[in-house]
Amino acid sequence: MVIDDGVFEGAEAALGYTFKDRSLLQTALTHASIADARLVSNERLEFLGDSVLGFVVCEALYKRFDDLLEGELTKIKSAVVSRRQCARIARHLELDRFLVLGKGMRSRPALPGSLSAAVYEAVIGAIFLDGGIRAARRFIMKHMAEHIEAAAVSGHQHNFKSVLQQHAQSEGQPTPEYVLLDEKGPDHAKAFQVSVQLAGKRYEPCWSGSKKQAEQDAALAALRALGLIQEDKHGRVVYVPNGEGNGGK
């Protein structure tokens, strides 16, 4: 099946990428339900794109969070490259409307998330083959960068120190300093008060039963003051891209 130029142009506009070899884009948009054979559907490109996506995200995590161990990096990666997240991005780009499907699939009121995620990964594979790893990295990070930061904050690890450090680096500021202001209690049950100092400003101090947790709490207080995180209606901490929260105004 041949896709007409209007579909190609619409898809390229949505992706923000112009293909040198449009046959790659055609394959990426061809679902197995309409392909003459599964080998000419987007399944092989999906396989490739999944690996390229994983590599690019792992590379970004390795560079951005140099104080996290492998287990913590794995948690963030799993959240970022999940099928649900890939489906969300595909729907944001409206890739579903360019996907070529068989009649049975077209009759559905809405496509399952797995199909949306698959076409996103297939497109990544196509961009990689067409333009190389740099083109694929640009495409992936354009949409994934904020999700990486959000996962770092909202994930189980809650490593607020890493997020604050990344913010400081992105703003060309020195590494945040954690100042021990006070400690109380006997040796077996001490409490510590810590404050963050960043770019000449000291933020709200926090108490905790360990220095490590006091530093995390102080980083959280600084992020909140900077408008980089907020609590959602369920009380969960969420990342606010580009300091769009109230504290960042």
C-alpha atoms as a PDB file:
ATOM      1  CA  MET A   1       0.000   0.000   0.000  1.00  0.00           C
ATOM      2  CA  VAL A   2       1.321   3.447  -0.986  1.00  0.00           C
ATOM      3  CA  ILE A   3       0.788   6.426   1.327  1.00  0.00           C
ATOM      4  CA  ASP A   4       0.010   9.693  -0.459  1.00  0.00           C
ATOM      5  CA  ASP A   5       2.159  12.816  -0.150  1.00  0.00           C
ATOM      6  CA  GLY A   6      -0.389  14.610   2.034  1.00  0.00           C
ATOM      7  CA  VAL A   7      -0.099  11.955   4.737  1.00  0.00           C
ATOM      8  CA  PHE A   8       3.690  12.035   4.525  1.00  0.00           C
ATOM      9  CA  GLU A   9       3.770  15.814   4.859  1.00  0.00           C
ATOM     10  CA  GLY A  10       1.339  15.773   7.777  1.00  0.00           C
ATOM     11  CA  ALA A  11       3.312  13.097   9.578  1.00  0.00           C
ATOM     12  CA  GLU A  12       6.632  14.871   9.027  1.00  0.00           C
ATOM     13  CA  ALA A  13       5.151  18.134  10.307  1.00  0.00           C
ATOM     14  CA  ALA A  14       3.853  16.367  13.423  1.00  0.00           C
ATOM     15  CA  LEU A  15       7.235  14.723  13.996  1.00  0.00           C
ATOM     16  CA  GLY A  16       9.296  17.819  13.243  1.00  0.00           C
ATOM     17  CA  TYR A  17      11.525  15.690  11.019  1.00  0.00           C
ATOM     18  CA  THR A  18      11.809  15.459   7.222  1.00  0.00           C
ATOM     19  CA  PHE A  19      12.799  12.062   5.866  1.00  0.00           C
ATOM     20  CA  LYS A  20      15.371  11.609   3.146  1.00  0.00           C
ATOM     21  CA  ASP A  21      13.932   8.139   2.536  1.00  0.00           C
ATOM     22  CA  ARG A  22      10.158   8.266   2.897  1.00  0.00           C
ATOM     23  CA  SER A  23       9.868   4.520   2.484  1.00  0.00           C
ATOM     24  CA  LEU A  24      11.101   4.262   6.074  1.00  0.00           C
ATOM     25  CA  LEU A  25       8.289   6.511   7.249  1.00  0.00           C
ATOM     26  CA  GLN A  26       5.793   4.489   5.206  1.00  0.00           C
ATOM     27  CA  THR A  27       6.936   1.294   6.904  1.00  0.00           C
ATOM     28  CA  ALA A  28       6.788   2.941  10.338  1.00  0.00           C
ATOM     29  CA  LEU A  29       3.166   3.913   9.733  1.00  0.00           C
ATOM     30  CA  THR A  30       2.056   0.545   8.318  1.00  0.00           C
ATOM     31  CA  HIS A  31       0.359  -1.738  10.824  1.00  0.00           C
ATOM     32  CA  ALA A  32       0.497  -5.510  10.403  1.00  0.00           C
ATOM     33  CA  SER A  33      -3.292  -5.613   9.969  1.00  0.00           C
ATOM     34  CA  ILE A  34      -2.975  -4.081   6.478  1.00  0.00           C
ATOM     35  CA  ALA A  35       0.513  -5.137   5.416  1.00  0.00           C
ATOM     36  CA  ASP A  36       0.895  -7.861   2.766  1.00  0.00           C
ATOM     37  CA  ALA A  37       3.266  -9.617   5.151  1.00  0.00           C
ATOM     38  CA  ARG A  38       4.375  -8.907   8.709  1.00  0.00           C
ATOM     39  CA  LEU A  39       7.937  -8.379   7.466  1.00  0.00           C
ATOM     40  CA  VAL A  40       6.783  -5.219   5.659  1.00  0.00           C
ATOM     41  CA  SER A  41       4.802  -3.875   8.629  1.00  0.00           C
ATOM     42  CA  ASN A  42       6.218  -1.574  11.301  1.00  0.00           C
ATOM     43  CA  GLU A  43       7.032  -4.414  13.712  1.00  0.00           C
ATOM     44  CA  ARG A  44      10.737  -4.636  12.867  1.00  0.00           C
ATOM     45  CA  LEU A  45      11.112  -0.858  13.146  1.00  0.00           C
ATOM     46  CA  GLU A  46       9.296  -0.997  16.478  1.00  0.00           C
ATOM     47  CA  PHE A  47      11.863  -3.546  17.692  1.00  0.00           C
ATOM     48  CA  LEU A  48      14.733  -1.299  16.598  1.00  0.00           C
ATOM     49  CA  GLY A  49      13.144   1.883  17.920  1.00  0.00           C
ATOM     50  CA  ASP A  50      12.579   0.344  21.338  1.00  0.00           C
ATOM     51  CA  SER A  51      16.315  -0.287  21.664  1.00  0.00           C
ATOM     52  CA  VAL A  52      17.274   3.164  20.356  1.00  0.00           C
ATOM     53  CA  LEU A  53      14.851   4.786  22.815  1.00  0.00           C
ATOM     54  CA  GLY A  54      16.287   2.771  25.692  1.00  0.00           C
ATOM     55  CA  PHE A  55      19.849   3.690  24.739  1.00  0.00           C
ATOM     56  CA  VAL A  56      19.151   7.418  24.413  1.00  0.00           C
ATOM     57  CA  VAL A  57      17.289   7.583  27.719  1.00  0.00           C
ATOM     58  CA  CYS A  58      19.985   5.563  29.518  1.00  0.00           C
ATOM     59  CA  GLU A  59      22.660   7.863  28.104  1.00  0.00           C
ATOM     60  CA  ALA A  60      20.736  10.939  29.266  1.00  0.00           C
ATOM     61  CA  LEU A  61      20.205   9.508  32.741  1.00  0.00           C
ATOM     62  CA  TYR A  62      23.866   8.538  33.069  1.00  0.00           C
ATOM     63  CA  LYS A  63      24.982  12.075  32.210  1.00  0.00           C
ATOM     64  CA  ARG A  64      22.350  13.971  34.208  1.00  0.00           C
ATOM     65  CA  PHE A  65      22.313  12.018  37.454  1.00  0.00           C
ATOM     66  CA  ASP A  66      25.920  11.225  38.244  1.00  0.00           C
ATOM     67  CA  ASP A  67      25.145  10.538  41.910  1.00  0.00           C
ATOM     68  CA  LEU A  68      22.544   7.811  41.331  1.00  0.00           C
ATOM     69  CA  LEU A  69      23.258   4.100  41.483  1.00  0.00           C
ATOM     70  CA  GLU A  70      22.213   1.616  38.800  1.00  0.00           C
ATOM     71  CA  GLY A  71      19.048   0.592  40.642  1.00  0.00           C
ATOM     72  CA  GLU A  72      17.792   4.167  40.928  1.00  0.00           C
ATOM     73  CA  LEU A  73      18.611   4.882  37.271  1.00  0.00           C
ATOM     74  CA  THR A  74      16.708   1.741  36.280  1.00  0.00           C
ATOM     75  CA  LYS A  75      13.602   2.916  38.140  1.00  0.00           C
ATOM     76  CA  ILE A  76      13.629   6.249  36.319  1.00  0.00           C
ATOM     77  CA  LYS A  77      14.255   4.601  32.950  1.00  0.00           C
ATOM     78  CA  SER A  78      11.380   2.163  33.465  1.00  0.00           C
ATOM     79  CA  ALA A  79       8.969   5.032  34.110  1.00  0.00           C
ATOM     80  CA  VAL A  80      10.227   7.109  31.172  1.00  0.00           C
ATOM     81  CA  VAL A  81      10.183   4.400  28.470  1.00  0.00           C
ATOM     82  CA  SER A  82       7.018   2.641  29.635  1.00  0.00           C
ATOM     83  CA  ARG A  83       4.392   1.752  27.051  1.00  0.00           C
ATOM     84  CA  ARG A  84       2.019   4.159  28.745  1.00  0.00           C
ATOM     85  CA  GLN A  85       4.465   7.053  28.411  1.00  0.00           C
ATOM     86  CA  CYS A  86       5.244   6.218  24.789  1.00  0.00           C
ATOM     87  CA  ALA A  87       1.510   6.080  24.041  1.00  0.00           C
ATOM     88  CA  ARG A  88       1.003   9.489  25.633  1.00  0.00           C
ATOM     89  CA  ILE A  89       3.686  11.041  23.452  1.00  0.00           C
ATOM     90  CA  ALA A  90       2.321   9.350  20.330  1.00  0.00           C
ATOM     91  CA  ARG A  91      -1.129  10.744  21.066  1.00  0.00           C
ATOM     92  CA  HIS A  92       0.295  14.188  21.793  1.00  0.00           C
ATOM     93  CA  LEU A  93       1.946  14.084  18.357  1.00  0.00           C
ATOM     94  CA  GLU A  94      -1.322  12.706  16.902  1.00  0.00           C
ATOM     95  CA  LEU A  95       0.538   9.837  15.273  1.00  0.00           C
ATOM     96  CA  ASP A  96      -2.582   7.654  15.468  1.00  0.00           C
ATOM     97  CA  ARG A  97      -4.237   9.579  12.633  1.00  0.00           C
ATOM     98  CA  PHE A  98      -1.356   8.759  10.270  1.00  0.00           C
ATOM     99  CA  LEU A  99      -1.213   5.054  11.129  1.00  0.00           C
ATOM    100  CA  VAL A 100      -2.385   2.860   8.239  1.00  0.00           C
ATOM    101  CA  LEU A 101      -4.645   0.099   9.571  1.00  0.00           C
ATOM    102  CA  GLY A 102      -6.742  -2.770   8.278  1.00  0.00           C
ATOM    103  CA  LYS A 103     -10.536  -2.418   8.158  1.00  0.00           C
ATOM    104  CA  GLY A 104     -11.091  -4.305  11.389  1.00  0.00           C
ATOM    105  CA  MET A 105      -8.760  -2.029  13.300  1.00  0.00           C
ATOM    106  CA  ARG A 106     -10.169   1.162  11.749  1.00  0.00           C
ATOM    107  CA  SER A 107     -13.667   0.321  12.995  1.00  0.00           C
ATOM    108  CA  ARG A 108     -12.615   0.626  16.639  1.00  0.00           C
ATOM    109  CA  PRO A 109     -13.735   3.814  18.432  1.00  0.00           C
ATOM    110  CA  ALA A 110     -10.226   4.295  19.863  1.00  0.00           C
ATOM    111  CA  LEU A 111      -6.892   2.620  19.303  1.00  0.00           C
ATOM    112  CA  PRO A 112      -5.381   0.699  22.223  1.00  0.00           C
ATOM    113  CA  GLY A 113      -2.405   2.327  23.895  1.00  0.00           C
ATOM    114  CA  SER A 114      -0.142  -0.505  22.769  1.00  0.00           C
ATOM    115  CA  LEU A 115      -0.638   0.506  19.121  1.00  0.00           C
ATOM    116  CA  SER A 116       0.102   4.155  19.877  1.00  0.00           C
ATOM    117  CA  ALA A 117       3.290   3.180  21.726  1.00  0.00           C
ATOM    118  CA  ALA A 118       4.309   0.853  18.891  1.00  0.00           C
ATOM    119  CA  VAL A 119       4.035   3.502  16.180  1.00  0.00           C
ATOM    120  CA  TYR A 120       6.074   5.926  18.327  1.00  0.00           C
ATOM    121  CA  GLU A 121       8.856   3.360  18.679  1.00  0.00           C
ATOM    122  CA  ALA A 122       8.632   2.471  14.967  1.00  0.00           C
ATOM    123  CA  VAL A 123       9.049   6.138  14.057  1.00  0.00           C
ATOM    124  CA  ILE A 124      12.128   6.338  16.294  1.00  0.00           C
ATOM    125  CA  GLY A 125      13.583   3.340  14.442  1.00  0.00           C
ATOM    126  CA  ALA A 126      12.830   4.987  11.095  1.00  0.00           C
ATOM    127  CA  ILE A 127      14.446   8.285  12.112  1.00  0.00           C
ATOM    128  CA  PHE A 128      17.500   6.408  13.377  1.00  0.00           C
ATOM    129  CA  LEU A 129      17.945   4.604  10.041  1.00  0.00           C
ATOM    130  CA  ASP A 130      17.280   7.769   8.060  1.00  0.00           C
ATOM    131  CA  GLY A 131      19.297  10.309  10.018  1.00  0.00           C
ATOM    132  CA  GLY A 132      21.466   8.406  12.472  1.00  0.00           C
ATOM    133  CA  ILE A 133      21.714   8.475  16.245  1.00  0.00           C
ATOM    134  CA  ARG A 134      21.958  12.281  16.461  1.00  0.00           C
ATOM    135  CA  ALA A 135      18.654  12.765  14.672  1.00  0.00           C
ATOM    136  CA  ALA A 136      17.026  10.061  16.806  1.00  0.00           C
ATOM    137  CA  ARG A 137      18.433  11.609  19.998  1.00  0.00           C
ATOM    138  CA  ARG A 138      17.113  15.067  19.076  1.00  0.00           C
ATOM    139  CA  PHE A 139      13.652  13.660  18.376  1.00  0.00           C
ATOM    140  CA  ILE A 140      13.518  11.583  21.562  1.00  0.00           C
ATOM    141  CA  MET A 141      14.868  14.234  23.934  1.00  0.00           C
ATOM    142  CA  LYS A 142      12.575  16.921  22.522  1.00  0.00           C
ATOM    143  CA  HIS A 143       9.677  15.044  24.084  1.00  0.00           C
ATOM    144  CA  MET A 144      11.342  12.959  26.794  1.00  0.00           C
ATOM    145  CA  ALA A 145      13.512  15.504  28.642  1.00  0.00           C
ATOM    146  CA  GLU A 146      10.743  16.812  30.870  1.00  0.00           C
ATOM    147  CA  HIS A 147       9.482  13.276  31.530  1.00  0.00           C
ATOM    148  CA  ILE A 148      12.958  12.301  32.719  1.00  0.00           C
ATOM    149  CA  GLU A 149      12.920  15.151  35.234  1.00  0.00           C
ATOM    150  CA  ALA A 150       9.363  14.331  36.280  1.00  0.00           C
ATOM    151  CA  ALA A 151      10.228  10.663  36.818  1.00  0.00           C
ATOM    152  CA  ALA A 152      13.266  11.640  38.881  1.00  0.00           C
ATOM    153  CA  VAL A 153      11.052  13.665  41.215  1.00  0.00           C
ATOM    154  CA  SER A 154       7.890  11.571  41.219  1.00  0.00           C
ATOM    155  CA  GLY A 155       9.464   8.115  41.269  1.00  0.00           C
ATOM    156  CA  HIS A 156       9.971   6.016  44.354  1.00  0.00           C
ATOM    157  CA  GLN A 157      13.505   7.275  44.874  1.00  0.00           C
ATOM    158  CA  HIS A 158      12.449  10.942  45.406  1.00  0.00           C
ATOM    159  CA  ASN A 159      16.017  12.094  44.837  1.00  0.00           C
ATOM    160  CA  PHE A 160      15.398  15.814  45.186  1.00  0.00           C
ATOM    161  CA  LYS A 161      19.112  16.558  45.552  1.00  0.00           C
ATOM    162  CA  SER A 162      19.761  15.246  42.037  1.00  0.00           C
ATOM    163  CA  VAL A 163      16.906  17.273  40.586  1.00  0.00           C
ATOM    164  CA  LEU A 164      18.108  20.447  42.284  1.00  0.00           C
ATOM    165  CA  GLN A 165      21.663  19.823  41.088  1.00  0.00           C
ATOM    166  CA  GLN A 166      20.428  19.323  37.525  1.00  0.00           C
ATOM    167  CA  HIS A 167      18.491  22.586  37.734  1.00  0.00           C
ATOM    168  CA  ALA A 168      21.566  24.430  38.979  1.00  0.00           C
ATOM    169  CA  GLN A 169      23.669  23.021  36.141  1.00  0.00           C
ATOM    170  CA  SER A 170      21.064  23.973  33.535  1.00  0.00           C
ATOM    171  CA  GLU A 171      21.080  27.553  34.895  1.00  0.00           C
ATOM    172  CA  GLY A 172      24.892  27.768  34.944  1.00  0.00           C
ATOM    173  CA  GLN A 173      24.903  27.990  38.739  1.00  0.00           C
ATOM    174  CA  PRO A 174      27.373  26.360  41.149  1.00  0.00           C
ATOM    175  CA  THR A 175      26.567  23.036  42.812  1.00  0.00           C
ATOM    176  CA  PRO A 176      24.093  23.477  45.696  1.00  0.00           C
ATOM    177  CA  GLU A 177      25.699  23.500  49.154  1.00  0.00           C
ATOM    178  CA  TYR A 178      24.086  21.727  52.099  1.00  0.00           C
ATOM    179  CA  VAL A 179      24.772  23.605  55.330  1.00  0.00           C
ATOM    180  CA  LEU A 180      24.410  21.851  58.688  1.00  0.00           C
ATOM    181  CA  LEU A 181      22.831  24.510  60.920  1.00  0.00           C
ATOM    182  CA  ASP A 182      22.133  22.567  64.101  1.00  0.00           C
ATOM    183  CA  GLU A 183      21.913  19.092  65.643  1.00  0.00           C
ATOM    184  CA  LYS A 184      20.142  17.940  68.777  1.00  0.00           C
ATOM    185  CA  GLY A 185      19.619  14.846  70.864  1.00  0.00           C
ATOM    186  CA  PRO A 186      21.737  11.927  72.105  1.00  0.00           C
ATOM    187  CA  ASP A 187      24.081  10.076  69.758  1.00  0.00           C
ATOM    188  CA  HIS A 188      21.633   7.213  69.214  1.00  0.00           C
ATOM    189  CA  ALA A 189      18.741   9.556  68.313  1.00  0.00           C
ATOM    190  CA  LYS A 190      20.156  12.728  66.845  1.00  0.00           C
ATOM    191  CA  ALA A 191      18.198  15.192  64.722  1.00  0.00           C
ATOM    192  CA  PHE A 192      19.853  17.425  62.140  1.00  0.00           C
ATOM    193  CA  GLN A 193      18.865  20.790  60.690  1.00  0.00           C
ATOM    194  CA  VAL A 194      20.089  21.438  57.152  1.00  0.00           C
ATOM    195  CA  SER A 195      19.590  24.249  54.657  1.00  0.00           C
ATOM    196  CA  VAL A 196      20.448  24.528  50.960  1.00  0.00           C
ATOM    197  CA  GLN A 197      22.504  27.437  49.703  1.00  0.00           C
ATOM    198  CA  LEU A 198      22.273  28.078  45.972  1.00  0.00           C
ATOM    199  CA  ALA A 199      23.514  31.067  43.968  1.00  0.00           C
ATOM    200  CA  GLY A 200      24.035  33.097  47.123  1.00  0.00           C
ATOM    201  CA  LYS A 201      20.567  32.383  48.542  1.00  0.00           C
ATOM    202  CA  ARG A 202      19.818  30.162  51.513  1.00  0.00           C
ATOM    203  CA  TYR A 203      16.517  28.313  51.496  1.00  0.00           C
ATOM    204  CA  GLU A 204      14.200  27.090  54.250  1.00  0.00           C
ATOM    205  CA  PRO A 205      15.997  24.763  56.697  1.00  0.00           C
ATOM    206  CA  CYS A 206      14.656  21.299  57.477  1.00  0.00           C
ATOM    207  CA  TRP A 207      14.985  18.891  60.413  1.00  0.00           C
ATOM    208  CA  SER A 208      15.320  15.113  60.106  1.00  0.00           C
ATOM    209  CA  GLY A 209      16.671  12.122  61.982  1.00  0.00           C
ATOM    210  CA  SER A 210      19.581  11.717  59.550  1.00  0.00           C
ATOM    211  CA  LYS A 211      21.780  14.156  57.658  1.00  0.00           C
ATOM    212  CA  LYS A 212      20.976  12.419  54.381  1.00  0.00           C
ATOM    213  CA  GLN A 213      17.216  12.811  54.805  1.00  0.00           C
ATOM    214  CA  ALA A 214      17.585  16.376  56.086  1.00  0.00           C
ATOM    215  CA  GLU A 215      19.485  17.220  52.896  1.00  0.00           C
ATOM    216  CA  GLN A 216      16.771  15.621  50.751  1.00  0.00           C
ATOM    217  CA  ASP A 217      14.085  17.565  52.643  1.00  0.00           C
ATOM    218  CA  ALA A 218      16.063  20.799  52.274  1.00  0.00           C
ATOM    219  CA  ALA A 219      16.439  20.185  48.533  1.00  0.00           C
ATOM    220  CA  LEU A 220      12.677  19.598  48.328  1.00  0.00           C
ATOM    221  CA  ALA A 221      12.059  22.909  50.138  1.00  0.00           C
ATOM    222  CA  ALA A 222      14.348  24.717  47.695  1.00  0.00           C
ATOM    223  CA  LEU A 223      12.664  23.123  44.666  1.00  0.00           C
ATOM    224  CA  ARG A 224       9.282  24.130  46.050  1.00  0.00           C
ATOM    225  CA  ALA A 225      10.469  27.712  46.591  1.00  0.00           C
ATOM    226  CA  LEU A 226      11.832  27.831  43.040  1.00  0.00           C
ATOM    227  CA  GLY A 227       8.474  26.718  41.667  1.00  0.00           C
ATOM    228  CA  LEU A 228       9.954  23.562  40.167  1.00  0.00           C
ATOM    229  CA  ILE A 229       7.688  21.155  42.017  1.00  0.00           C
ATOM    230  CA  GLN A 230       4.185  21.213  43.421  1.00  0.00           C
ATOM    231  CA  GLU A 231       1.774  18.798  45.035  1.00  0.00           C
ATOM    232  CA  ASP A 232      -1.094  17.586  42.874  1.00  0.00           C
ATOM    233  CA  LYS A 233      -4.667  17.150  44.142  1.00  0.00           C
ATOM    234  CA  HIS A 234      -3.736  13.745  45.547  1.00  0.00           C
ATOM    235  CA  GLY A 235      -0.808  15.179  47.519  1.00  0.00           C
ATOM    236  CA  ARG A 236       1.806  13.625  45.232  1.00  0.00           C
ATOM    237  CA  VAL A 237       4.935  15.580  44.381  1.00  0.00           C
ATOM    238  CA  VAL A 238       5.062  16.448  40.676  1.00  0.00           C
ATOM    239  CA  TYR A 239       7.659  18.205  38.542  1.00  0.00           C
ATOM    240  CA  VAL A 240       6.758  21.574  36.996  1.00  0.00           C
ATOM    241  CA  PRO A 241       8.826  22.135  33.810  1.00  0.00           C
ATOM    242  CA  ASN A 242      10.697  25.431  33.486  1.00  0.00           C
ATOM    243  CA  GLY A 243       9.684  26.717  36.896  1.00  0.00           C
ATOM    244  CA  GLU A 244       6.059  27.365  35.953  1.00  0.00           C
ATOM    245  CA  GLY A 245       4.795  26.883  39.493  1.00  0.00           C
ATOM    246  CA  ASN A 246       3.773  29.744  41.768  1.00  0.00           C
ATOM    247  CA  GLY A 247       7.161  29.930  43.438  1.00  0.00           C
ATOM    248  CA  GLY A 248       8.949  30.442  40.119  1.00  0.00           C
ATOM    249  CA  LYS A 249       7.050  33.635  39.215  1.00  0.00           C
END
